[in-house]
Amino acid sequence: MAKALAGEWKAWVAENAVAGVPARDLVRVLVTNGVPRSLAHEAVTEIAITSLRDRVRRRDLHLRLRRELEAGRGIERRKKPAAGEFFARYWANAEPVVLTDAARGWKLWSPEDMKRLVGDVPVRVAEGRFRKRFEKTTIGRYVDDVVRAKRPRDLYLVSNSLAMAAPGMERLLARVVVDRTYFDPARIAHGGTALWLGPKGTVTPLHHDTTSVFFVQIYGKKRFTLVSPNDPTVADAANGWYAPVPRRAKRHVVTLERGEGLFIPAGWWHEVKALDASISFSLLAFRRPNSFPWYRPGFGHATNRPTMPKKQGKAIKPAMTSAKIARPRP
């Protein structure tokens, strides 16, 4: 049983099991260090189950506290604050906010403006509900065939279309006034922006991003349904980047008007529906670290290699006396 192992080795098994190390690897290390295979298997199973149960309980309590502290909080609508206040209040607390004057000073554009300014630019438009297939077209043709069509096909120019990276799109970017206190202009032209263009009724299912996003509505209106990442029911039901909209979770519904911006912190789940023919633009190049690629709750647990026990900050070999495995008593 697990009690036959020295305390340091019990802690080692627990730490590695919670980190996602496969049980077979833990058993192999224990056997290499003198533990009978059957005993190693029993110890790993017992300790792993107990450790995971304790970890889940603690994290559930933490998330419950966060949810209850958030219970009375809605999504604020306000004018754009100074950068210091924005980063201290909304960024640091991962709190969404609607900024009603987000596009102050911008030269907002319509689908017809896009035909005139960048109509010849080739782009990929996404097909279907989950946007996994793409078709090639030009912006001008897409506006005529889809955005302004009476019965448009289910095609959508989305962030993954990478339209802003296409030559010629700098003509649109010139209409954007980048607030240098919020964003780093040097990174704007290198993946720091994204563009959406589509007909009325376009829906992006509930999903999350691994970066924080400042989403500005350029033309038309969009409705956002947001759910906090502190609600585990969404992550539990997630499949890849997407999840069904939970019935019991607290949902925040926001309608974004032309010229308004929505700050969506990394990890916040959001469903988006276009209430009109719509153009949206986002900025990602915040003056703060903004990449959290490890946050992937809808994907399988990555398996790790076991880390060996340590003592006084230095790695020790399992066979040493200080990490010796206790033998079962007769």
Protein backbone atom coordinates (compact mmCIF):
# COMPACT_ATOMS: atom_id res chain seq x y z
CA MET A 1 0.00 0.00 0.00
CA ALA A 2 1.02 3.69 -0.27
CA LYS A 3 1.96 3.76 3.42
CA ALA A 4 4.87 1.44 2.58
CA LEU A 5 6.61 4.28 0.73
CA ALA A 6 8.83 6.89 2.35
CA GLY A 7 7.15 10.28 2.74
CA GLU A 8 9.31 11.95 0.12
CA TRP A 9 8.30 9.37 -2.44
CA LYS A 10 4.61 9.70 -1.61
CA ALA A 11 4.92 13.43 -2.26
CA TRP A 12 6.81 12.69 -5.48
CA VAL A 13 4.08 10.39 -6.78
CA ALA A 14 1.36 12.92 -5.86
CA GLU A 15 3.15 15.83 -7.53
CA ASN A 16 3.79 13.94 -10.75
CA ALA A 17 0.32 12.38 -10.91
CA VAL A 18 -1.34 15.80 -10.64
CA ALA A 19 1.08 17.13 -13.29
CA GLY A 20 -0.23 14.56 -15.76
CA VAL A 21 2.61 12.04 -15.76
CA PRO A 22 1.24 8.64 -16.91
CA ALA A 23 0.88 6.06 -14.12
CA ARG A 24 3.02 3.56 -16.06
CA ASP A 25 5.99 5.98 -15.89
CA LEU A 26 5.59 6.45 -12.15
CA VAL A 27 5.41 2.70 -11.63
CA ARG A 28 8.51 2.20 -13.78
CA VAL A 29 10.56 4.65 -11.68
CA LEU A 30 9.44 3.06 -8.42
CA VAL A 31 10.25 -0.43 -9.67
CA THR A 32 13.68 0.76 -10.81
CA ASN A 33 14.26 1.91 -7.24
CA GLY A 34 13.43 -1.39 -5.59
CA VAL A 35 9.65 -1.40 -5.12
CA PRO A 36 7.86 -4.61 -6.17
CA ARG A 37 5.74 -3.96 -9.27
CA SER A 38 2.44 -4.91 -7.61
CA LEU A 39 3.14 -2.60 -4.66
CA ALA A 40 4.23 0.23 -6.97
CA HIS A 41 1.04 -0.09 -8.98
CA GLU A 42 -1.16 -0.06 -5.86
CA ALA A 43 0.71 2.91 -4.38
CA VAL A 44 0.51 4.98 -7.55
CA THR A 45 -3.22 4.27 -7.97
CA GLU A 46 -4.06 5.10 -4.36
CA ILE A 47 -1.97 8.26 -4.14
CA ALA A 48 -3.01 9.54 -7.56
CA ILE A 49 -6.73 9.19 -6.83
CA THR A 50 -6.42 10.87 -3.41
CA SER A 51 -4.23 13.68 -4.74
CA LEU A 52 -6.45 14.41 -7.70
CA ARG A 53 -9.58 14.37 -5.52
CA ASP A 54 -7.98 16.83 -3.09
CA ARG A 55 -6.77 19.06 -5.91
CA VAL A 56 -10.20 19.16 -7.54
CA ARG A 57 -11.87 19.96 -4.20
CA ARG A 58 -9.51 22.86 -3.49
CA ARG A 59 -9.88 24.31 -6.97
CA ASP A 60 -13.65 23.96 -6.87
CA LEU A 61 -13.69 25.93 -3.61
CA HIS A 62 -11.48 28.60 -5.16
CA LEU A 63 -13.70 28.90 -8.24
CA ARG A 64 -16.85 28.98 -6.10
CA LEU A 65 -15.44 31.89 -4.12
CA ARG A 66 -14.52 33.73 -7.33
CA ARG A 67 -18.01 33.16 -8.75
CA GLU A 68 -19.75 34.40 -5.61
CA LEU A 69 -17.54 37.49 -5.50
CA GLU A 70 -18.49 38.15 -9.14
CA ALA A 71 -22.20 37.47 -8.56
CA GLY A 72 -23.35 41.09 -8.38
CA ARG A 73 -21.05 42.36 -11.08
CA GLY A 74 -22.23 43.19 -14.58
CA ILE A 75 -20.27 44.46 -17.56
CA GLU A 76 -19.74 48.17 -17.21
CA ARG A 77 -20.35 50.64 -20.05
CA ARG A 78 -18.25 53.79 -19.84
CA LYS A 79 -16.04 56.21 -21.70
CA LYS A 80 -12.46 55.17 -22.27
CA PRO A 81 -10.29 55.65 -19.15
CA ALA A 82 -6.63 56.59 -19.02
CA ALA A 83 -4.34 53.63 -19.65
CA GLY A 84 -3.22 53.44 -16.03
CA GLU A 85 -6.78 53.01 -14.81
CA PHE A 86 -7.63 50.54 -17.59
CA PHE A 87 -4.70 48.24 -16.82
CA ALA A 88 -5.10 48.48 -13.04
CA ARG A 89 -8.87 47.99 -12.97
CA TYR A 90 -9.89 45.90 -15.98
CA TRP A 91 -6.74 44.17 -17.23
CA ALA A 92 -5.39 43.19 -13.82
CA ASN A 93 -8.79 41.85 -12.70
CA ALA A 94 -9.63 40.17 -16.04
CA GLU A 95 -12.85 42.18 -16.12
CA PRO A 96 -14.64 42.86 -19.44
CA VAL A 97 -15.74 46.42 -20.12
CA VAL A 98 -17.55 48.26 -22.94
CA LEU A 99 -15.88 51.54 -23.93
CA THR A 100 -18.49 53.66 -25.68
CA ASP A 101 -15.98 56.02 -27.34
CA ALA A 102 -13.44 53.35 -28.31
CA ALA A 103 -13.22 54.55 -31.94
CA ARG A 104 -13.01 58.25 -31.20
CA GLY A 105 -11.01 59.88 -34.01
CA TRP A 106 -11.15 56.83 -36.28
CA LYS A 107 -12.43 57.04 -39.86
CA LEU A 108 -14.97 54.23 -39.62
CA TRP A 109 -15.78 52.38 -42.82
CA SER A 110 -18.68 50.55 -44.46
CA PRO A 111 -18.74 47.51 -46.78
CA GLU A 112 -18.92 49.93 -49.72
CA ASP A 113 -15.86 51.76 -48.40
CA MET A 114 -14.05 48.41 -48.29
CA LYS A 115 -14.95 47.74 -51.93
CA ARG A 116 -13.52 51.14 -52.86
CA LEU A 117 -10.39 51.02 -50.71
CA VAL A 118 -9.40 47.33 -50.69
CA GLY A 119 -11.85 45.61 -53.05
CA ASP A 120 -9.03 44.03 -55.08
CA VAL A 121 -7.33 42.46 -52.04
CA PRO A 122 -7.46 38.62 -52.15
CA VAL A 123 -8.75 36.99 -48.96
CA ARG A 124 -9.88 33.62 -47.56
CA VAL A 125 -13.41 33.45 -46.17
CA ALA A 126 -14.49 30.76 -43.71
CA GLU A 127 -17.31 28.34 -44.45
CA GLY A 128 -19.69 26.66 -41.99
CA ARG A 129 -20.52 26.91 -38.33
CA PHE A 130 -17.07 26.14 -36.93
CA ARG A 131 -15.08 27.87 -39.69
CA LYS A 132 -12.72 25.03 -40.55
CA ARG A 133 -12.93 25.35 -44.34
CA PHE A 134 -11.96 28.38 -46.42
CA GLU A 135 -12.68 29.72 -49.90
CA LYS A 136 -10.59 32.21 -51.85
CA THR A 137 -12.15 35.42 -53.15
CA THR A 138 -11.54 39.17 -53.10
CA ILE A 139 -13.02 41.63 -50.62
CA GLY A 140 -15.02 43.38 -53.35
CA ARG A 141 -16.52 40.13 -54.64
CA TYR A 142 -17.28 38.97 -51.11
CA VAL A 143 -19.18 42.19 -50.35
CA ASP A 144 -21.29 41.77 -53.48
CA ASP A 145 -21.89 38.02 -53.25
CA VAL A 146 -22.38 37.63 -49.50
CA VAL A 147 -22.58 40.79 -47.39
CA ARG A 148 -25.12 42.54 -49.62
CA ALA A 149 -26.84 39.44 -51.02
CA LYS A 150 -30.51 38.80 -50.20
CA ARG A 151 -29.79 35.12 -49.48
CA PRO A 152 -26.13 35.05 -48.48
CA ARG A 153 -24.12 31.86 -48.23
CA ASP A 154 -22.68 30.85 -44.86
CA LEU A 155 -19.33 32.50 -45.51
CA TYR A 156 -17.57 34.80 -43.07
CA LEU A 157 -14.34 36.78 -43.16
CA VAL A 158 -12.91 36.00 -39.70
CA SER A 159 -9.71 36.64 -37.76
CA ASN A 160 -8.27 33.33 -38.99
CA SER A 161 -8.70 34.60 -42.54
CA LEU A 162 -5.63 36.74 -41.71
CA ALA A 163 -7.00 39.51 -43.92
CA MET A 164 -5.05 42.28 -42.18
CA ALA A 165 -1.77 40.64 -43.22
CA ALA A 166 -2.62 40.94 -46.93
CA PRO A 167 -0.79 43.59 -49.00
CA GLY A 168 -3.01 46.63 -49.46
CA MET A 169 -4.81 46.38 -46.10
CA GLU A 170 -2.66 49.19 -44.76
CA ARG A 171 -5.20 51.47 -46.48
CA LEU A 172 -7.74 50.39 -43.86
CA LEU A 173 -5.25 50.43 -41.00
CA ALA A 174 -4.52 54.07 -41.81
CA ARG A 175 -8.08 54.86 -40.66
CA VAL A 176 -7.41 53.47 -37.16
CA VAL A 177 -6.10 55.75 -34.43
CA VAL A 178 -3.91 53.54 -32.25
CA ASP A 179 -3.77 54.69 -28.62
CA ARG A 180 -0.07 54.32 -27.84
CA THR A 181 -0.71 54.29 -24.11
CA TYR A 182 -2.76 51.07 -24.52
CA PHE A 183 -1.01 49.43 -27.49
CA ASP A 184 2.49 49.02 -28.90
CA PRO A 185 2.47 50.42 -32.47
CA ALA A 186 5.55 48.40 -33.38
CA ARG A 187 3.53 45.19 -33.02
CA ILE A 188 0.34 46.39 -34.70
CA ALA A 189 1.50 45.42 -38.19
CA HIS A 190 2.79 42.00 -37.09
CA GLY A 191 -0.29 40.06 -36.03
CA GLY A 192 -1.54 42.74 -33.66
CA THR A 193 -4.88 43.27 -35.43
CA ALA A 194 -7.75 41.22 -36.85
CA LEU A 195 -10.78 41.91 -39.06
CA TRP A 196 -14.29 40.42 -39.33
CA LEU A 197 -16.75 41.07 -42.16
CA GLY A 198 -20.03 39.25 -42.69
CA PRO A 199 -23.78 39.37 -43.32
CA LYS A 200 -26.56 39.70 -40.78
CA GLY A 201 -27.15 36.58 -38.72
CA THR A 202 -23.58 35.31 -38.69
CA VAL A 203 -22.84 33.43 -35.45
CA THR A 204 -19.54 32.44 -33.89
CA PRO A 205 -20.28 29.74 -31.26
CA LEU A 206 -19.22 30.06 -27.64
CA HIS A 207 -15.42 29.90 -27.48
CA HIS A 208 -12.44 31.44 -25.73
CA ASP A 209 -9.19 33.03 -26.90
CA THR A 210 -5.69 32.64 -25.50
CA THR A 211 -5.07 36.40 -25.75
CA SER A 212 -6.97 39.38 -24.44
CA VAL A 213 -8.80 41.24 -27.21
CA PHE A 214 -9.99 44.81 -27.70
CA PHE A 215 -12.91 44.33 -30.07
CA VAL A 216 -14.21 47.44 -31.90
CA GLN A 217 -17.47 47.53 -33.87
CA ILE A 218 -16.86 49.42 -37.12
CA TYR A 219 -20.22 48.93 -38.87
CA GLY A 220 -23.55 47.44 -37.80
CA LYS A 221 -24.24 45.81 -34.42
CA LYS A 222 -23.19 42.59 -32.72
CA ARG A 223 -24.53 40.79 -29.66
CA PHE A 224 -22.08 39.10 -27.30
CA THR A 225 -22.94 36.45 -24.74
CA LEU A 226 -20.08 36.15 -22.25
CA VAL A 227 -19.41 33.64 -19.47
CA SER A 228 -16.62 33.95 -16.91
CA PRO A 229 -13.79 31.38 -16.99
CA ASN A 230 -14.43 31.01 -13.25
CA ASP A 231 -17.50 28.92 -14.11
CA PRO A 232 -16.15 25.35 -14.49
CA THR A 233 -19.32 24.01 -16.15
CA VAL A 234 -18.26 25.57 -19.46
CA ALA A 235 -14.74 24.18 -19.44
CA ASP A 236 -16.10 20.76 -18.39
CA ALA A 237 -18.30 20.70 -21.52
CA ALA A 238 -15.72 22.21 -23.89
CA ASN A 239 -14.62 20.42 -27.03
CA GLY A 240 -11.50 22.06 -28.38
CA TRP A 241 -11.96 25.82 -28.47
CA TYR A 242 -15.78 25.63 -28.38
CA ALA A 243 -18.44 24.84 -25.78
CA PRO A 244 -22.25 24.82 -25.59
CA VAL A 245 -23.84 27.83 -23.93
CA PRO A 246 -24.50 26.62 -20.35
CA ARG A 247 -28.03 26.87 -18.96
CA ARG A 248 -27.07 27.46 -15.34
CA ALA A 249 -24.00 29.63 -15.76
CA LYS A 250 -24.29 33.38 -15.31
CA ARG A 251 -24.37 34.94 -18.77
CA HIS A 252 -23.59 38.55 -19.60
CA VAL A 253 -25.29 39.82 -22.77
CA VAL A 254 -23.84 42.91 -24.43
CA THR A 255 -24.88 44.63 -27.66
CA LEU A 256 -22.00 46.47 -29.29
CA GLU A 257 -22.94 49.51 -31.39
CA ARG A 258 -20.96 51.21 -34.15
CA GLY A 259 -17.87 52.90 -32.68
CA GLU A 260 -17.98 51.02 -29.37
CA GLY A 261 -15.31 48.66 -28.08
CA LEU A 262 -15.42 45.59 -25.85
CA PHE A 263 -12.43 44.42 -23.85
CA ILE A 264 -12.54 40.60 -23.65
CA PRO A 265 -9.91 39.21 -21.24
CA ALA A 266 -8.12 36.00 -22.21
CA GLY A 267 -10.12 32.92 -21.22
CA TRP A 268 -13.55 34.57 -21.15
CA TRP A 269 -16.05 32.50 -23.10
CA HIS A 270 -18.04 34.44 -25.69
CA GLU A 271 -20.64 33.78 -28.38
CA VAL A 272 -21.04 36.46 -31.06
CA LYS A 273 -24.01 37.13 -33.34
CA ALA A 274 -24.19 39.80 -36.05
CA LEU A 275 -27.48 41.70 -35.76
CA ASP A 276 -26.77 43.54 -39.03
CA ALA A 277 -24.30 43.31 -41.87
CA SER A 278 -21.20 43.84 -39.78
CA ILE A 279 -17.57 44.93 -39.77
CA SER A 280 -15.48 44.43 -36.64
CA PHE A 281 -11.83 45.12 -35.90
CA SER A 282 -9.66 44.01 -32.98
CA LEU A 283 -6.40 45.11 -31.43
CA LEU A 284 -4.20 42.60 -29.58
CA ALA A 285 -0.85 44.38 -29.13
CA PHE A 286 -1.43 45.60 -25.59
CA ARG A 287 1.46 47.06 -23.64
CA ARG A 288 1.35 44.02 -21.37
CA PRO A 289 2.27 40.34 -21.92
CA ASN A 290 -0.67 38.95 -23.87
CA SER A 291 -0.15 35.31 -24.80
CA PHE A 292 -1.50 32.38 -22.77
CA PRO A 293 -1.23 29.40 -25.17
CA TRP A 294 -1.29 26.90 -22.28
CA TYR A 295 -4.93 27.77 -21.50
CA ARG A 296 -6.68 24.99 -23.42
CA PRO A 297 -9.36 23.46 -21.13
CA GLY A 298 -11.20 21.86 -24.05
CA PHE A 299 -8.22 19.79 -25.13
CA GLY A 300 -6.86 16.56 -23.70
CA HIS A 301 -4.39 16.67 -20.83
CA ALA A 302 -0.83 16.76 -22.13
CA THR A 303 1.33 14.01 -20.67
CA ASN A 304 4.54 15.00 -18.95
CA ARG A 305 7.73 13.22 -17.98
CA PRO A 306 8.30 12.51 -14.28
CA THR A 307 10.47 14.93 -12.33
CA MET A 308 12.68 13.37 -9.70
CA PRO A 309 12.47 14.28 -5.99
CA LYS A 310 14.53 17.18 -4.71
CA LYS A 311 16.09 17.93 -1.34
CA GLN A 312 17.42 21.31 -0.20
CA GLY A 313 16.97 22.62 -3.73
CA LYS A 314 19.27 20.03 -5.35
CA ALA A 315 18.19 17.04 -7.38
CA ILE A 316 18.95 13.70 -5.71
CA LYS A 317 18.98 10.21 -7.11
CA PRO A 318 16.11 7.95 -6.06
CA ALA A 319 18.54 5.32 -4.75
CA MET A 320 20.08 7.66 -2.19
CA THR A 321 19.28 7.03 1.47
CA SER A 322 17.46 10.37 1.85
CA ALA A 323 14.98 9.25 -0.82
CA LYS A 324 14.99 5.60 0.06
CA ILE A 325 11.75 3.68 -0.44
CA ALA A 326 10.61 1.91 2.67
CA ARG A 327 10.10 -1.83 2.27
CA PRO A 328 6.84 -3.41 3.39
CA ARG A 329 7.05 -4.76 6.91
CA PRO A 330 6.49 -8.50 7.36
